């Protein structure tokens, strides 16, 4: 009788743990958060989900929200129409996950670095973006290290 009671309690505890763990937010501690789309290979299944064109601060180009159909991740990508001309300042791309406000940029460890003189593209680190998560991409510009201006943002996906 005592043995059956122990087994019953064990099953109840395991079921309760499974329920608690199974209802954890899908954005919590995902393996891909902060990782490089190129380093993980997620870029190979990357598709453009939203594009925003900008012409601001003497800069023209596109901001793209990229999505990996294999990894279920999103990242930001900025492409200037011509290389960044100034030896001061930079252009950056930022991915924002709406659900928990987590964000990464080109300057984050999973990105390829901000756009500086003679460069024209950058990509951010990734966020997990599968249902119910949504994200958007933003482009930013700084003429120095103090001020940062938005170049625009994509719609969410």
C-alpha atoms as a PDB file:
ATOM      1  CA  UNK A   1       0.000   0.000   0.000  1.00  0.00           C
ATOM      2  CA  UNK A   2       2.802   2.424   0.923  1.00  0.00           C
ATOM      3  CA  UNK A   3       4.570   1.555  -2.348  1.00  0.00           C
ATOM      4  CA  UNK A   4       1.449   2.462  -4.387  1.00  0.00           C
ATOM      5  CA  UNK A   5       1.143   5.746  -2.492  1.00  0.00           C
ATOM      6  CA  UNK A   6       4.781   6.637  -3.310  1.00  0.00           C
ATOM      7  CA  UNK A   7       4.243   5.811  -6.969  1.00  0.00           C
ATOM      8  CA  UNK A   8       1.059   7.885  -7.033  1.00  0.00           C
ATOM      9  CA  UNK A   9       2.805  10.873  -5.459  1.00  0.00           C
ATOM     10  CA  UNK A  10       5.737  10.544  -7.861  1.00  0.00           C
ATOM     11  CA  UNK A  11       3.405  10.557 -10.857  1.00  0.00           C
ATOM     12  CA  UNK A  12       1.589  13.618  -9.482  1.00  0.00           C
ATOM     13  CA  UNK A  13       4.867  15.518  -8.953  1.00  0.00           C
ATOM     14  CA  UNK A  14       6.130  14.644 -12.445  1.00  0.00           C
ATOM     15  CA  UNK A  15       2.812  15.701 -13.984  1.00  0.00           C
ATOM     16  CA  UNK A  16       2.876  19.006 -12.087  1.00  0.00           C
ATOM     17  CA  UNK A  17       6.451  19.692 -13.209  1.00  0.00           C
ATOM     18  CA  UNK A  18       5.546  18.869 -16.789  1.00  0.00           C
ATOM     19  CA  UNK A  19       2.638  21.307 -16.647  1.00  0.00           C
ATOM     20  CA  UNK A  20       4.766  24.105 -15.178  1.00  0.00           C
ATOM     21  CA  UNK A  21       7.639  23.574 -17.619  1.00  0.00           C
ATOM     22  CA  UNK A  22       5.281  23.102 -20.539  1.00  0.00           C
ATOM     23  CA  UNK A  23       3.652  26.482 -19.941  1.00  0.00           C
ATOM     24  CA  UNK A  24       6.929  28.425 -19.736  1.00  0.00           C
ATOM     25  CA  UNK A  25       7.133  31.302 -22.222  1.00  0.00           C
ATOM     26  CA  UNK A  26       8.421  30.186 -25.612  1.00  0.00           C
ATOM     27  CA  UNK A  27      10.875  33.074 -25.703  1.00  0.00           C
ATOM     28  CA  UNK A  28      12.548  32.100 -22.444  1.00  0.00           C
ATOM     29  CA  UNK A  29      16.183  31.007 -22.708  1.00  0.00           C
ATOM     30  CA  UNK A  30      16.075  29.949 -26.327  1.00  0.00           C
ATOM     31  CA  UNK A  31      19.326  28.548 -27.709  1.00  0.00           C
ATOM     32  CA  UNK A  32      19.312  30.934 -30.687  1.00  0.00           C
ATOM     33  CA  UNK A  33      18.866  34.191 -28.747  1.00  0.00           C
ATOM     34  CA  UNK A  34      21.948  36.340 -29.297  1.00  0.00           C
ATOM     35  CA  UNK A  35      23.548  33.933 -31.787  1.00  0.00           C
ATOM     36  CA  UNK A  36      24.845  34.763 -35.256  1.00  0.00           C
ATOM     37  CA  UNK A  37      22.599  33.896 -38.228  1.00  0.00           C
ATOM     38  CA  UNK A  38      25.729  33.080 -40.241  1.00  0.00           C
ATOM     39  CA  UNK A  39      27.547  31.169 -37.487  1.00  0.00           C
ATOM     40  CA  UNK A  40      24.515  28.931 -36.879  1.00  0.00           C
ATOM     41  CA  UNK A  41      23.649  28.506 -40.564  1.00  0.00           C
ATOM     42  CA  UNK A  42      20.188  29.983 -39.975  1.00  0.00           C
ATOM     43  CA  UNK A  43      20.867  32.534 -42.735  1.00  0.00           C
ATOM     44  CA  UNK A  44      20.700  29.710 -45.296  1.00  0.00           C
ATOM     45  CA  UNK A  45      16.932  29.489 -44.803  1.00  0.00           C
ATOM     46  CA  UNK A  46      16.521  33.249 -44.329  1.00  0.00           C
ATOM     47  CA  UNK A  47      13.710  35.080 -46.080  1.00  0.00           C
ATOM     48  CA  UNK A  48      12.764  38.764 -46.024  1.00  0.00           C
ATOM     49  CA  UNK A  49       9.527  39.272 -44.069  1.00  0.00           C
ATOM     50  CA  UNK A  50       9.420  43.072 -44.117  1.00  0.00           C
ATOM     51  CA  UNK A  51      11.403  45.912 -45.721  1.00  0.00           C
ATOM     52  CA  UNK A  52      11.591  49.606 -44.842  1.00  0.00           C
ATOM     53  CA  UNK A  53      13.320  52.081 -47.176  1.00  0.00           C
ATOM     54  CA  UNK A  54      14.971  55.156 -45.675  1.00  0.00           C
ATOM     55  CA  UNK A  55      16.429  58.439 -46.912  1.00  0.00           C
ATOM     56  CA  UNK A  56      17.526  60.342 -43.817  1.00  0.00           C
ATOM     57  CA  UNK A  57      20.629  62.133 -42.457  1.00  0.00           C
ATOM     58  CA  UNK A  58      22.185  61.990 -45.956  1.00  0.00           C
ATOM     59  CA  UNK A  59      21.910  58.179 -45.871  1.00  0.00           C
ATOM     60  CA  UNK A  60      19.781  55.992 -48.137  1.00  0.00           C
ATOM     61  CA  UNK A  61      19.149  52.287 -47.931  1.00  0.00           C
ATOM     62  CA  UNK A  62      16.943  49.475 -46.646  1.00  0.00           C
ATOM     63  CA  UNK A  63      16.147  47.891 -43.316  1.00  0.00           C
ATOM     64  CA  UNK A  64      15.019  44.275 -43.542  1.00  0.00           C
ATOM     65  CA  UNK A  65      13.406  41.930 -41.074  1.00  0.00           C
ATOM     66  CA  UNK A  66      14.918  38.542 -41.864  1.00  0.00           C
ATOM     67  CA  UNK A  67      13.360  35.233 -40.766  1.00  0.00           C
ATOM     68  CA  UNK A  68      14.814  31.724 -40.796  1.00  0.00           C
ATOM     69  CA  UNK A  69      12.200  29.143 -41.773  1.00  0.00           C
ATOM     70  CA  UNK A  70      14.421  26.375 -40.374  1.00  0.00           C
ATOM     71  CA  UNK A  71      15.533  27.948 -37.065  1.00  0.00           C
ATOM     72  CA  UNK A  72      12.354  30.029 -36.478  1.00  0.00           C
ATOM     73  CA  UNK A  73      14.507  33.074 -35.717  1.00  0.00           C
ATOM     74  CA  UNK A  74      14.573  36.716 -36.769  1.00  0.00           C
ATOM     75  CA  UNK A  75      17.360  39.228 -37.259  1.00  0.00           C
ATOM     76  CA  UNK A  76      17.781  42.757 -38.593  1.00  0.00           C
ATOM     77  CA  UNK A  77      19.740  43.605 -41.741  1.00  0.00           C
ATOM     78  CA  UNK A  78      20.652  47.078 -42.998  1.00  0.00           C
ATOM     79  CA  UNK A  79      22.063  47.851 -46.437  1.00  0.00           C
ATOM     80  CA  UNK A  80      23.175  51.328 -47.451  1.00  0.00           C
ATOM     81  CA  UNK A  81      22.901  52.384 -51.101  1.00  0.00           C
ATOM     82  CA  UNK A  82      26.615  53.314 -51.007  1.00  0.00           C
ATOM     83  CA  UNK A  83      29.438  52.804 -48.472  1.00  0.00           C
ATOM     84  CA  UNK A  84      29.323  54.894 -45.300  1.00  0.00           C
ATOM     85  CA  UNK A  85      31.481  57.938 -46.076  1.00  0.00           C
ATOM     86  CA  UNK A  86      32.421  59.434 -42.717  1.00  0.00           C
ATOM     87  CA  UNK A  87      35.255  58.485 -40.403  1.00  0.00           C
ATOM     88  CA  UNK A  88      32.911  59.455 -37.541  1.00  0.00           C
ATOM     89  CA  UNK A  89      29.758  57.727 -36.429  1.00  0.00           C
ATOM     90  CA  UNK A  90      28.084  54.519 -37.565  1.00  0.00           C
ATOM     91  CA  UNK A  91      24.894  52.848 -38.790  1.00  0.00           C
ATOM     92  CA  UNK A  92      23.424  49.926 -36.879  1.00  0.00           C
ATOM     93  CA  UNK A  93      20.587  47.390 -37.242  1.00  0.00           C
ATOM     94  CA  UNK A  94      18.578  46.274 -34.220  1.00  0.00           C
ATOM     95  CA  UNK A  95      16.164  43.347 -33.866  1.00  0.00           C
ATOM     96  CA  UNK A  96      13.427  43.828 -31.250  1.00  0.00           C
ATOM     97  CA  UNK A  97      11.262  40.960 -29.949  1.00  0.00           C
ATOM     98  CA  UNK A  98       7.893  42.431 -28.962  1.00  0.00           C
ATOM     99  CA  UNK A  99       6.897  39.866 -26.336  1.00  0.00           C
ATOM    100  CA  UNK A 100       9.728  40.451 -23.845  1.00  0.00           C
ATOM    101  CA  UNK A 101      11.462  43.526 -25.347  1.00  0.00           C
ATOM    102  CA  UNK A 102      14.707  41.596 -25.900  1.00  0.00           C
ATOM    103  CA  UNK A 103      16.900  43.213 -28.546  1.00  0.00           C
ATOM    104  CA  UNK A 104      20.232  42.648 -30.258  1.00  0.00           C
ATOM    105  CA  UNK A 105      22.161  44.749 -32.740  1.00  0.00           C
ATOM    106  CA  UNK A 106      24.961  44.424 -35.272  1.00  0.00           C
ATOM    107  CA  UNK A 107      27.235  45.462 -32.412  1.00  0.00           C
ATOM    108  CA  UNK A 108      26.080  42.506 -30.248  1.00  0.00           C
ATOM    109  CA  UNK A 109      28.339  39.452 -30.137  1.00  0.00           C
ATOM    110  CA  UNK A 110      26.174  37.556 -32.663  1.00  0.00           C
ATOM    111  CA  UNK A 111      26.179  40.432 -35.159  1.00  0.00           C
ATOM    112  CA  UNK A 112      28.885  41.357 -37.642  1.00  0.00           C
ATOM    113  CA  UNK A 113      29.624  44.862 -36.294  1.00  0.00           C
ATOM    114  CA  UNK A 114      28.168  48.306 -36.948  1.00  0.00           C
ATOM    115  CA  UNK A 115      28.550  49.919 -40.361  1.00  0.00           C
ATOM    116  CA  UNK A 116      31.544  52.235 -40.257  1.00  0.00           C
ATOM    117  CA  UNK A 117      33.568  54.071 -42.922  1.00  0.00           C
ATOM    118  CA  UNK A 118      33.687  52.308 -46.332  1.00  0.00           C
ATOM    119  CA  UNK A 119      31.181  49.611 -45.266  1.00  0.00           C
ATOM    120  CA  UNK A 120      27.584  49.270 -46.413  1.00  0.00           C
ATOM    121  CA  UNK A 121      25.874  46.334 -44.636  1.00  0.00           C
ATOM    122  CA  UNK A 122      25.407  44.787 -41.222  1.00  0.00           C
ATOM    123  CA  UNK A 123      23.253  42.121 -39.595  1.00  0.00           C
ATOM    124  CA  UNK A 124      22.230  41.737 -35.972  1.00  0.00           C
ATOM    125  CA  UNK A 125      22.282  38.754 -33.672  1.00  0.00           C
ATOM    126  CA  UNK A 126      19.043  36.719 -33.670  1.00  0.00           C
ATOM    127  CA  UNK A 127      15.979  36.313 -31.471  1.00  0.00           C
ATOM    128  CA  UNK A 128      13.717  33.266 -31.406  1.00  0.00           C
ATOM    129  CA  UNK A 129      10.609  34.344 -33.315  1.00  0.00           C
ATOM    130  CA  UNK A 130       8.210  31.404 -33.511  1.00  0.00           C
ATOM    131  CA  UNK A 131       4.577  31.736 -32.393  1.00  0.00           C
ATOM    132  CA  UNK A 132       3.482  33.523 -30.271  1.00  0.00           C
ATOM    133  CA  UNK A 133       6.597  35.694 -30.613  1.00  0.00           C
ATOM    134  CA  UNK A 134       6.821  38.610 -33.043  1.00  0.00           C
ATOM    135  CA  UNK A 135       9.724  40.911 -33.851  1.00  0.00           C
ATOM    136  CA  UNK A 136      10.613  43.978 -35.886  1.00  0.00           C
ATOM    137  CA  UNK A 137      13.853  45.422 -37.277  1.00  0.00           C
ATOM    138  CA  UNK A 138      15.096  48.970 -36.808  1.00  0.00           C
ATOM    139  CA  UNK A 139      17.914  50.938 -38.395  1.00  0.00           C
ATOM    140  CA  UNK A 140      19.812  53.524 -36.355  1.00  0.00           C
ATOM    141  CA  UNK A 141      22.405  56.179 -37.113  1.00  0.00           C
ATOM    142  CA  UNK A 142      24.871  57.946 -34.833  1.00  0.00           C
ATOM    143  CA  UNK A 143      27.024  60.832 -36.057  1.00  0.00           C
ATOM    144  CA  UNK A 144      29.233  60.296 -32.999  1.00  0.00           C
ATOM    145  CA  UNK A 145      29.043  58.237 -29.828  1.00  0.00           C
ATOM    146  CA  UNK A 146      26.416  60.309 -28.001  1.00  0.00           C
ATOM    147  CA  UNK A 147      23.345  60.794 -30.204  1.00  0.00           C
ATOM    148  CA  UNK A 148      21.447  57.954 -31.886  1.00  0.00           C
ATOM    149  CA  UNK A 149      18.689  58.545 -34.445  1.00  0.00           C
ATOM    150  CA  UNK A 150      16.188  56.068 -35.845  1.00  0.00           C
ATOM    151  CA  UNK A 151      16.296  55.569 -39.615  1.00  0.00           C
ATOM    152  CA  UNK A 152      13.005  53.675 -39.497  1.00  0.00           C
ATOM    153  CA  UNK A 153      11.570  50.299 -38.594  1.00  0.00           C
ATOM    154  CA  UNK A 154       9.863  47.429 -40.323  1.00  0.00           C
ATOM    155  CA  UNK A 155       6.481  46.000 -39.532  1.00  0.00           C
ATOM    156  CA  UNK A 156       6.415  43.078 -37.114  1.00  0.00           C
ATOM    157  CA  UNK A 157       6.370  39.419 -38.034  1.00  0.00           C
END
